[in-house]
């Protein structure tokens, strides 16, 4: 017969309800720690612990990565298709740049509302609709024969679709499904767009030359639509949907309930547009928001706006074949994947404002020397440029998202959506301005030099973000809870 003091007494742990088939549960001594098969370092009195072979957050992140790859096809398209469209229809660079600018504006302005829509209707539904819009816009492009039609397809439809699949999507996935390694996850997901560029760009360039740009547009449509079934089946809206906690929540907060660990369960769902505008109102009172928005506007101007849209036409002006220039942008995409993932890892360990300042300044140096590197053939110096620029392409995303989360707490994803809107407004302005500069002067040199100067401004702005911004999280969260 045993007594309560006998260490051999065991308590029986009942298995909770819910789809947790691959959990492993163990019985634990009443006197001691709750031990999993592989670790016995828990403190006395802790409850039973569950272990998964693979946390479902990683499966969701994998599907989200594929969705971003599928949505990224158009990001590689304008620079490649601009010259063929000019040759067939005689449209000016300014006209086509206007279509890209509309796309970039909607790409940005849709983002904060998309983040709120994901909170209201779920990540899966919004993502599937967004991919459908991208596919429809790309497919309908083959029918255009008037300049206003390219504004409708490239600008409106694809702009709304890509805006809903913007970088805020990566931040929403990371904030919903992860409580640790968020910087790394945002880096990996952000690299999905670069991976999409890498996958699509060489094929788009080849198809644009033979058999033609229409087949390239159909390839983009197919890439976006192919991911929709995976999204509908495997992209879950929240950990509560699978009876789980966010990845890392067990380690950081003991054994909270699934509902308590899911932000969506803590507050009633509200109108998405109202939610987005309320967050903007609150964030606009904080100077950190304006610093992030200004820096990210310059980031967009110097990536999507200039290099993404005008690098291939500029290289073509110098006698470089379009397929060669497209290959260089593909190299940018390769190193963008490495740079963004590395930036996510660094963001989890170092001050994000310092990282931002360094990234912007290195980008400015690259743009300053770019006019000297362009030519009819690829020189070693150009390879060095595309490698460095690739590493720096969207390395700014993880630290920017981290500061949004630190300062604005529960509103962080939607705030990042508004900051990303500034990114795309800067990109749109740069795409249009660079096209106008090209038409007026016959070259892009002034556009590259002006962008280099803006990067220095962004570096200074980022370095002056308050050092204690991340330590003001409790106050920020409290403020964010008041409508």
Protein backbone atom coordinates (compact mmCIF):
# COMPACT_ATOMS: atom_id res chain seq x y z
CA UNK A 1 0.00 0.00 0.00
CA UNK A 2 1.32 3.40 -0.89
CA UNK A 3 1.00 6.74 0.75
CA UNK A 4 1.00 10.30 -0.69
CA UNK A 5 4.65 10.56 0.26
CA UNK A 6 5.57 7.50 -1.79
CA UNK A 7 7.40 8.69 -4.95
CA UNK A 8 5.97 5.78 -6.88
CA UNK A 9 2.48 7.20 -6.85
CA UNK A 10 1.42 8.27 -10.34
CA UNK A 11 -1.41 10.48 -11.42
CA UNK A 12 -3.38 9.65 -14.50
CA UNK A 13 -3.43 12.30 -17.19
CA UNK A 14 -6.47 12.30 -19.43
CA UNK A 15 -5.97 13.15 -23.09
CA UNK A 16 -7.65 16.47 -24.03
CA UNK A 17 -10.19 16.67 -26.80
CA UNK A 18 -9.09 17.90 -30.20
CA UNK A 19 -7.16 16.76 -33.29
CA UNK A 20 -3.86 15.99 -31.57
CA UNK A 21 -3.24 12.52 -32.98
CA UNK A 22 0.53 12.90 -33.13
CA UNK A 23 0.97 14.19 -29.59
CA UNK A 24 2.90 12.00 -27.15
CA UNK A 25 1.69 12.08 -23.54
CA UNK A 26 3.46 10.62 -20.53
CA UNK A 27 2.50 9.97 -16.95
CA UNK A 28 4.49 11.96 -14.46
CA UNK A 29 5.39 11.51 -10.79
CA UNK A 30 3.27 13.63 -8.47
CA UNK A 31 6.33 14.99 -6.70
CA UNK A 32 8.36 16.10 -9.66
CA UNK A 33 8.63 17.66 -13.03
CA UNK A 34 6.51 16.95 -16.04
CA UNK A 35 9.02 15.25 -18.31
CA UNK A 36 8.81 14.56 -21.98
CA UNK A 37 10.72 11.59 -23.36
CA UNK A 38 13.59 13.79 -24.50
CA UNK A 39 13.89 16.37 -21.76
CA UNK A 40 13.73 16.32 -17.97
CA UNK A 41 14.60 19.82 -17.01
CA UNK A 42 11.20 21.12 -15.91
CA UNK A 43 10.71 22.66 -12.53
CA UNK A 44 8.72 20.83 -9.80
CA UNK A 45 4.99 21.29 -9.94
CA UNK A 46 4.78 21.83 -13.71
CA UNK A 47 1.92 20.10 -15.47
CA UNK A 48 2.17 17.42 -18.15
CA UNK A 49 3.87 18.38 -21.39
CA UNK A 50 3.05 17.41 -24.94
CA UNK A 51 5.45 16.85 -27.79
CA UNK A 52 4.82 16.98 -31.52
CA UNK A 53 6.82 15.36 -34.26
CA UNK A 54 6.41 18.53 -36.31
CA UNK A 55 4.59 21.59 -35.09
CA UNK A 56 1.78 22.49 -37.55
CA UNK A 57 3.08 26.07 -37.70
CA UNK A 58 5.92 24.88 -39.91
CA UNK A 59 3.53 23.19 -42.34
CA UNK A 60 1.51 26.42 -42.54
CA UNK A 61 4.71 28.40 -43.13
CA UNK A 62 5.67 26.02 -45.94
CA UNK A 63 2.32 26.50 -47.71
CA UNK A 64 2.56 30.26 -47.17
CA UNK A 65 6.02 30.17 -48.78
CA UNK A 66 4.62 28.40 -51.85
CA UNK A 67 1.75 30.90 -52.03
CA UNK A 68 4.23 33.77 -52.06
CA UNK A 69 6.23 32.03 -54.78
CA UNK A 70 3.09 31.68 -56.90
CA UNK A 71 2.11 35.31 -56.34
CA UNK A 72 5.58 36.60 -57.21
CA UNK A 73 5.42 35.89 -60.94
CA UNK A 74 4.21 39.35 -61.85
CA UNK A 75 6.91 40.99 -59.77
CA UNK A 76 9.38 39.68 -62.38
CA UNK A 77 7.23 40.60 -65.39
CA UNK A 78 7.15 44.39 -66.02
CA UNK A 79 10.86 44.82 -66.64
CA UNK A 80 10.89 41.90 -69.08
CA UNK A 81 7.63 42.64 -70.88
CA UNK A 82 8.02 46.40 -71.18
CA UNK A 83 10.19 46.33 -74.31
CA UNK A 84 8.05 43.76 -76.22
CA UNK A 85 4.89 45.76 -75.46
CA UNK A 86 6.56 48.95 -76.66
CA UNK A 87 7.63 47.25 -79.86
CA UNK A 88 4.14 45.83 -80.60
CA UNK A 89 1.92 48.74 -79.58
CA UNK A 90 4.27 51.74 -79.65
CA UNK A 91 3.41 52.73 -76.09
CA UNK A 92 5.87 55.01 -74.32
CA UNK A 93 7.89 54.10 -71.24
CA UNK A 94 5.78 56.58 -69.27
CA UNK A 95 2.52 54.80 -70.20
CA UNK A 96 3.80 51.41 -69.14
CA UNK A 97 5.41 52.91 -66.03
CA UNK A 98 1.99 54.34 -65.16
CA UNK A 99 0.49 50.83 -65.22
CA UNK A 100 3.26 49.60 -62.94
CA UNK A 101 2.75 52.61 -60.66
CA UNK A 102 -0.98 51.88 -60.28
CA UNK A 103 -0.07 48.30 -59.48
CA UNK A 104 2.46 49.36 -56.86
CA UNK A 105 0.08 51.87 -55.24
CA UNK A 106 -2.65 49.24 -54.90
CA UNK A 107 -0.03 46.70 -53.87
CA UNK A 108 0.72 48.96 -50.93
CA UNK A 109 -2.66 50.46 -50.04
CA UNK A 110 -4.39 47.08 -50.11
CA UNK A 111 -1.93 45.61 -47.59
CA UNK A 112 -3.28 47.04 -44.29
CA UNK A 113 -6.87 46.26 -45.29
CA UNK A 114 -5.79 42.76 -46.32
CA UNK A 115 -4.25 42.26 -42.88
CA UNK A 116 -7.53 43.30 -41.26
CA UNK A 117 -9.50 41.10 -43.70
CA UNK A 118 -7.34 38.15 -42.69
CA UNK A 119 -8.30 38.80 -39.07
CA UNK A 120 -11.97 39.05 -40.05
CA UNK A 121 -12.42 36.28 -42.64
CA UNK A 122 -9.32 34.17 -42.16
CA UNK A 123 -5.93 33.91 -43.84
CA UNK A 124 -6.97 31.06 -46.14
CA UNK A 125 -9.94 32.79 -47.80
CA UNK A 126 -8.16 36.09 -48.41
CA UNK A 127 -5.08 34.35 -49.82
CA UNK A 128 -7.11 32.20 -52.23
CA UNK A 129 -9.03 35.22 -53.56
CA UNK A 130 -5.78 37.18 -53.96
CA UNK A 131 -4.16 34.43 -56.01
CA UNK A 132 -7.31 34.26 -58.15
CA UNK A 133 -7.10 38.00 -58.90
CA UNK A 134 -3.43 37.69 -59.89
CA UNK A 135 -4.23 34.78 -62.19
CA UNK A 136 -7.19 36.59 -63.78
CA UNK A 137 -5.26 39.80 -64.33
CA UNK A 138 -2.33 38.00 -65.91
CA UNK A 139 -4.52 35.86 -68.16
CA UNK A 140 -6.62 38.83 -69.36
CA UNK A 141 -3.44 40.72 -70.28
CA UNK A 142 -3.16 38.61 -73.44
CA UNK A 143 -6.33 40.30 -74.77
CA UNK A 144 -5.18 43.93 -74.41
CA UNK A 145 -4.81 46.21 -77.43
CA UNK A 146 -5.39 49.63 -75.82
CA UNK A 147 -3.24 51.38 -73.23
CA UNK A 148 -6.15 51.76 -70.76
CA UNK A 149 -6.56 47.98 -70.76
CA UNK A 150 -3.02 47.42 -69.50
CA UNK A 151 -3.84 49.86 -66.70
CA UNK A 152 -6.81 47.66 -65.79
CA UNK A 153 -5.00 44.30 -65.87
CA UNK A 154 -1.49 45.17 -64.69
CA UNK A 155 -2.70 48.00 -62.49
CA UNK A 156 -6.08 47.21 -60.92
CA UNK A 157 -6.54 43.43 -60.89
CA UNK A 158 -2.96 42.36 -60.26
CA UNK A 159 -2.42 45.31 -57.91
CA UNK A 160 -5.30 44.22 -55.67
CA UNK A 161 -4.18 40.59 -55.78
CA UNK A 162 -0.53 41.18 -55.04
CA UNK A 163 -1.46 43.74 -52.39
CA UNK A 164 -3.38 41.07 -50.51
CA UNK A 165 -0.35 38.79 -50.84
CA UNK A 166 2.13 41.48 -49.86
CA UNK A 167 4.78 41.24 -47.18
CA UNK A 168 2.09 41.86 -44.57
CA UNK A 169 0.97 38.30 -45.32
CA UNK A 170 4.33 37.04 -44.06
CA UNK A 171 4.03 39.17 -40.92
CA UNK A 172 0.49 37.91 -40.27
CA UNK A 173 1.55 34.27 -40.59
CA UNK A 174 4.52 34.82 -38.27
CA UNK A 175 2.55 36.73 -35.63
CA UNK A 176 -0.37 34.28 -35.66
CA UNK A 177 1.52 30.99 -35.70
CA UNK A 178 4.81 31.75 -33.93
CA UNK A 179 5.82 33.25 -30.61
CA UNK A 180 9.52 32.57 -31.09
CA UNK A 181 11.75 32.64 -34.19
CA UNK A 182 9.39 35.21 -35.70
CA UNK A 183 12.21 37.14 -37.32
CA UNK A 184 13.54 34.00 -38.97
CA UNK A 185 10.07 33.01 -40.21
CA UNK A 186 9.39 36.46 -41.66
CA UNK A 187 12.77 36.27 -43.38
CA UNK A 188 11.98 32.87 -44.88
CA UNK A 189 8.52 33.91 -46.06
CA UNK A 190 9.78 37.19 -47.47
CA UNK A 191 12.32 35.18 -49.41
CA UNK A 192 9.35 33.45 -51.07
CA UNK A 193 8.88 36.49 -53.28
CA UNK A 194 12.53 36.34 -54.24
CA UNK A 195 12.20 32.63 -54.92
CA UNK A 196 9.23 33.42 -57.16
CA UNK A 197 11.32 35.91 -59.07
CA UNK A 198 14.04 33.30 -59.40
CA UNK A 199 11.59 30.66 -60.66
CA UNK A 200 9.65 32.81 -63.11
CA UNK A 201 12.09 35.42 -64.42
CA UNK A 202 14.27 33.29 -66.74
CA UNK A 203 11.20 31.59 -68.27
CA UNK A 204 9.35 34.89 -68.68
CA UNK A 205 12.37 36.36 -70.44
CA UNK A 206 12.67 33.40 -72.82
CA UNK A 207 8.95 33.27 -73.57
CA UNK A 208 8.81 37.04 -74.14
CA UNK A 209 11.30 36.64 -77.01
CA UNK A 210 9.93 33.40 -78.47
CA UNK A 211 7.02 32.68 -78.83
CA UNK A 212 5.99 36.03 -77.28
CA UNK A 213 4.93 38.07 -74.28
CA UNK A 214 1.39 36.62 -74.24
CA UNK A 215 2.69 33.16 -73.39
CA UNK A 216 4.77 34.74 -70.62
CA UNK A 217 1.62 36.31 -69.17
CA UNK A 218 -0.15 32.94 -69.23
CA UNK A 219 2.78 31.40 -67.35
CA UNK A 220 2.31 33.99 -64.58
CA UNK A 221 -1.42 33.21 -64.42
CA UNK A 222 -0.75 29.47 -64.22
CA UNK A 223 1.80 29.93 -61.44
CA UNK A 224 -0.66 31.87 -59.28
CA UNK A 225 -3.63 29.58 -59.84
CA UNK A 226 -1.64 26.39 -59.28
CA UNK A 227 -1.13 27.26 -55.62
CA UNK A 228 -4.82 27.85 -54.82
CA UNK A 229 -5.69 24.17 -54.11
CA UNK A 230 -2.77 23.91 -51.67
CA UNK A 231 -3.91 27.06 -49.89
CA UNK A 232 -7.51 25.86 -49.57
CA UNK A 233 -6.49 22.48 -48.17
CA UNK A 234 -3.46 23.15 -45.99
CA UNK A 235 -3.30 26.87 -45.04
CA UNK A 236 -5.03 26.97 -41.65
CA UNK A 237 -6.21 30.27 -40.23
CA UNK A 238 -4.88 29.92 -36.69
CA UNK A 239 -3.39 27.37 -34.25
CA UNK A 240 -6.84 26.97 -32.68
CA UNK A 241 -8.05 25.39 -35.93
CA UNK A 242 -5.83 22.37 -35.25
CA UNK A 243 -6.06 22.41 -31.45
CA UNK A 244 -2.52 23.69 -31.02
CA UNK A 245 -0.62 26.59 -29.49
CA UNK A 246 1.58 28.93 -31.54
CA UNK A 247 5.07 27.56 -32.03
CA UNK A 248 7.14 28.41 -28.96
CA UNK A 249 4.17 29.36 -26.77
CA UNK A 250 4.65 26.27 -24.57
CA UNK A 251 8.21 27.21 -23.78
CA UNK A 252 7.57 30.88 -23.18
CA UNK A 253 4.29 30.87 -21.26
CA UNK A 254 3.92 27.52 -19.54
CA UNK A 255 0.74 25.73 -20.56
CA UNK A 256 -1.81 28.34 -21.62
CA UNK A 257 -5.04 27.40 -23.28
CA UNK A 258 -5.26 27.33 -27.04
CA UNK A 259 -7.85 30.08 -27.02
CA UNK A 260 -5.74 32.34 -24.87
CA UNK A 261 -2.76 31.89 -27.16
CA UNK A 262 -4.75 32.87 -30.25
CA UNK A 263 -5.20 36.65 -30.67
CA UNK A 264 -8.32 36.20 -32.78
CA UNK A 265 -10.09 34.38 -29.95
CA UNK A 266 -9.41 37.15 -27.47
CA UNK A 267 -11.50 39.84 -29.16
CA UNK A 268 -14.64 39.90 -31.30
CA UNK A 269 -14.21 40.25 -35.05
CA UNK A 270 -14.71 43.76 -36.34
CA UNK A 271 -15.18 45.46 -39.67
CA UNK A 272 -11.86 45.11 -41.49
CA UNK A 273 -11.81 48.62 -42.97
CA UNK A 274 -12.68 50.22 -39.63
CA UNK A 275 -10.03 48.15 -37.88
CA UNK A 276 -7.34 49.17 -40.39
CA UNK A 277 -8.22 52.87 -40.14
CA UNK A 278 -8.37 52.79 -36.34
CA UNK A 279 -4.90 51.24 -36.23
CA UNK A 280 -3.60 53.92 -38.60
CA UNK A 281 -5.05 56.64 -36.36
CA UNK A 282 -3.33 55.21 -33.29
CA UNK A 283 -0.03 54.52 -35.04
CA UNK A 284 0.15 57.98 -36.62
CA UNK A 285 0.56 59.49 -33.14
CA UNK A 286 3.86 57.68 -32.73
CA UNK A 287 6.94 59.12 -34.43
CA UNK A 288 8.43 55.64 -34.79
CA UNK A 289 5.63 54.87 -37.25
CA UNK A 290 6.61 57.84 -39.42
CA UNK A 291 10.29 56.93 -39.27
CA UNK A 292 9.53 53.39 -40.39
CA UNK A 293 7.16 54.60 -43.11
CA UNK A 294 9.69 57.09 -44.51
CA UNK A 295 12.48 54.53 -44.56
CA UNK A 296 10.28 51.87 -46.12
CA UNK A 297 9.06 54.31 -48.81
CA UNK A 298 12.69 54.75 -49.84
CA UNK A 299 13.15 50.99 -49.65
CA UNK A 300 10.31 50.50 -52.13
CA UNK A 301 11.61 53.23 -54.42
CA UNK A 302 15.02 51.59 -54.66
CA UNK A 303 13.80 47.99 -55.14
CA UNK A 304 10.43 47.45 -56.87
CA UNK A 305 10.27 50.99 -58.23
CA UNK A 306 13.71 51.29 -59.82
CA UNK A 307 15.65 48.05 -60.06
CA UNK A 308 12.62 45.77 -60.38
CA UNK A 309 10.96 47.90 -63.06
CA UNK A 310 13.76 49.69 -64.91
CA UNK A 311 16.96 47.65 -64.56
CA UNK A 312 16.29 45.54 -67.66
CA UNK A 313 15.27 48.50 -69.87
CA UNK A 314 18.30 50.44 -68.63
CA UNK A 315 20.63 47.53 -69.38
CA UNK A 316 18.99 47.26 -72.81
CA UNK A 317 19.81 50.94 -73.40
CA UNK A 318 23.47 50.03 -72.88
CA UNK A 319 23.32 47.19 -75.43
CA UNK A 320 22.87 44.29 -73.01
CA UNK A 321 20.48 41.55 -74.24
CA UNK A 322 17.23 41.35 -72.27
CA UNK A 323 17.77 37.70 -71.38
CA UNK A 324 21.19 38.55 -69.95
CA UNK A 325 19.77 41.40 -67.87
CA UNK A 326 16.94 39.11 -66.71
CA UNK A 327 19.56 36.56 -65.67
CA UNK A 328 21.24 39.23 -63.53
CA UNK A 329 17.94 39.97 -61.80
CA UNK A 330 17.54 36.25 -61.21
CA UNK A 331 20.92 36.30 -59.43
CA UNK A 332 19.56 39.16 -57.32
CA UNK A 333 16.67 36.85 -56.45
CA UNK A 334 19.00 34.02 -55.43
CA UNK A 335 20.97 36.17 -53.04
CA UNK A 336 17.80 37.90 -51.85
CA UNK A 337 16.70 34.54 -50.42
CA UNK A 338 19.98 34.17 -48.53
CA UNK A 339 20.06 37.79 -47.40
CA UNK A 340 16.50 37.90 -46.14
CA UNK A 341 16.75 34.67 -44.18
CA UNK A 342 20.04 35.85 -42.68
CA UNK A 343 18.42 39.19 -41.83
CA UNK A 344 15.62 37.36 -40.02
CA UNK A 345 18.19 35.43 -37.99
CA UNK A 346 20.07 38.65 -37.17
CA UNK A 347 16.84 40.42 -36.21
CA UNK A 348 16.18 37.83 -33.52
CA UNK A 349 19.59 38.68 -32.00
CA UNK A 350 20.52 42.33 -32.68
CA UNK A 351 19.00 45.80 -32.53
CA UNK A 352 16.75 46.05 -35.61
CA UNK A 353 17.18 49.82 -36.01
CA UNK A 354 20.95 49.41 -36.44
CA UNK A 355 20.38 46.66 -38.98
CA UNK A 356 18.08 48.96 -40.96
CA UNK A 357 20.62 51.78 -41.02
CA UNK A 358 23.36 49.45 -42.28
CA UNK A 359 21.14 47.90 -44.96
CA UNK A 360 20.03 51.25 -46.37
CA UNK A 361 23.54 52.68 -46.49
CA UNK A 362 24.97 49.67 -48.32
CA UNK A 363 22.14 49.90 -50.84
CA UNK A 364 22.90 53.56 -51.45
CA UNK A 365 26.54 52.78 -52.19
CA UNK A 366 25.48 50.16 -54.72
CA UNK A 367 23.14 52.55 -56.55
CA UNK A 368 25.81 55.24 -56.60
CA UNK A 369 28.18 53.07 -58.64
CA UNK A 370 25.57 51.34 -60.82
CA UNK A 371 25.77 53.86 -63.74
CA UNK A 372 29.48 53.02 -64.02
CA UNK A 373 28.82 49.28 -64.20
CA UNK A 374 26.17 49.07 -66.93
CA UNK A 375 27.42 48.01 -70.34
CA UNK A 376 26.81 45.71 -73.27
CA UNK A 377 28.43 42.76 -71.51
CA UNK A 378 28.57 41.49 -67.94
CA UNK A 379 31.77 42.45 -66.13
CA UNK A 380 32.94 41.03 -62.77
CA UNK A 381 32.07 44.32 -61.10
CA UNK A 382 28.44 43.90 -62.18
CA UNK A 383 28.37 40.44 -60.63
CA UNK A 384 29.61 41.94 -57.36
CA UNK A 385 26.85 44.55 -57.55
CA UNK A 386 24.01 42.05 -58.09
CA UNK A 387 25.29 39.82 -55.28
CA UNK A 388 25.49 42.68 -52.76
CA UNK A 389 22.21 44.20 -53.92
CA UNK A 390 20.54 40.82 -53.74
CA UNK A 391 21.66 40.26 -50.16
CA UNK A 392 20.25 43.69 -49.31
CA UNK A 393 17.09 43.58 -51.49
CA UNK A 394 14.39 43.05 -48.84
CA UNK A 395 16.63 42.40 -45.87
CA UNK A 396 14.88 45.45 -44.40
CA UNK A 397 11.62 43.54 -43.92
CA UNK A 398 12.41 41.42 -40.79
CA UNK A 399 13.77 44.33 -38.70
CA UNK A 400 10.94 46.63 -39.82
CA UNK A 401 8.29 44.04 -38.91
CA UNK A 402 10.05 43.38 -35.60
CA UNK A 403 9.95 47.07 -34.63
CA UNK A 404 6.24 47.21 -35.56
CA UNK A 405 5.56 44.25 -33.29
CA UNK A 406 7.68 45.60 -30.43
CA UNK A 407 6.19 49.09 -30.46
CA UNK A 408 2.57 48.43 -31.46
CA UNK A 409 1.94 45.01 -29.91
CA UNK A 410 -1.34 43.42 -31.02
CA UNK A 411 -1.69 45.98 -33.80
CA UNK A 412 1.74 45.11 -35.19
CA UNK A 413 0.60 43.23 -38.31
CA UNK A 414 -1.83 45.94 -39.41
CA UNK A 415 0.70 48.68 -38.62
CA UNK A 416 3.22 46.83 -40.76
CA UNK A 417 0.57 46.83 -43.48
CA UNK A 418 0.46 50.64 -43.38
CA UNK A 419 4.24 50.86 -43.33
CA UNK A 420 4.28 48.56 -46.34
CA UNK A 421 1.76 50.86 -48.03
CA UNK A 422 4.38 53.60 -47.75
CA UNK A 423 6.89 51.15 -49.28
CA UNK A 424 4.71 50.72 -52.35
CA UNK A 425 3.84 54.41 -52.66
CA UNK A 426 7.57 55.07 -52.80
CA UNK A 427 7.95 52.31 -55.37
CA UNK A 428 5.14 53.72 -57.51
CA UNK A 429 6.56 57.24 -57.42
CA UNK A 430 10.02 55.97 -58.35
CA UNK A 431 8.73 53.78 -61.19
CA UNK A 432 6.84 56.70 -62.72
CA UNK A 433 9.60 59.25 -62.13
CA UNK A 434 12.31 57.00 -63.58
CA UNK A 435 10.20 56.40 -66.71
CA UNK A 436 9.73 60.16 -67.12
CA UNK A 437 13.47 60.76 -66.60
CA UNK A 438 14.25 58.13 -69.27
CA UNK A 439 11.86 59.75 -71.77
CA UNK A 440 13.22 63.24 -71.03
CA UNK A 441 16.97 62.54 -70.98
CA UNK A 442 17.37 59.27 -72.86
CA UNK A 443 19.00 57.50 -69.88
CA UNK A 444 18.44 56.55 -66.25
CA UNK A 445 21.57 58.00 -64.65
CA UNK A 446 19.82 60.72 -62.66
CA UNK A 447 17.33 58.18 -61.35
CA UNK A 448 20.13 55.95 -59.98
CA UNK A 449 21.97 58.86 -58.35
CA UNK A 450 18.83 60.30 -56.79
CA UNK A 451 17.97 56.90 -55.33
CA UNK A 452 21.46 56.62 -53.81
CA UNK A 453 20.96 59.93 -52.01
CA UNK A 454 17.57 58.79 -50.69
CA UNK A 455 19.14 55.64 -49.23
CA UNK A 456 21.48 57.76 -47.13
CA UNK A 457 18.46 59.66 -45.82
CA UNK A 458 16.77 56.37 -44.93
CA UNK A 459 19.87 55.20 -43.07
CA UNK A 460 19.92 58.35 -40.95
CA UNK A 461 16.19 58.12 -40.20
CA UNK A 462 16.50 54.48 -39.16
CA UNK A 463 19.48 55.12 -36.90
CA UNK A 464 17.54 57.82 -35.03
CA UNK A 465 14.57 55.60 -34.09
CA UNK A 466 14.38 55.64 -30.30
CA UNK A 467 16.57 53.02 -28.65
CA UNK A 468 13.90 52.29 -26.06
CA UNK A 469 11.12 51.75 -28.60
CA UNK A 470 11.10 48.01 -28.03
CA UNK A 471 10.99 48.44 -24.24
CA UNK A 472 7.79 50.53 -24.43
CA UNK A 473 5.73 47.55 -25.50
CA UNK A 474 3.38 47.41 -22.47
CA UNK A 475 2.29 51.00 -22.92
CA UNK A 476 1.96 50.54 -26.64
CA UNK A 477 -0.19 47.46 -26.23
CA UNK A 478 -2.39 49.21 -23.70
CA UNK A 479 -2.87 52.12 -26.05
CA UNK A 480 -3.62 49.73 -28.90
CA UNK A 481 -6.51 48.22 -26.97
CA UNK A 482 -8.43 51.49 -26.80
CA UNK A 483 -10.60 52.37 -29.78
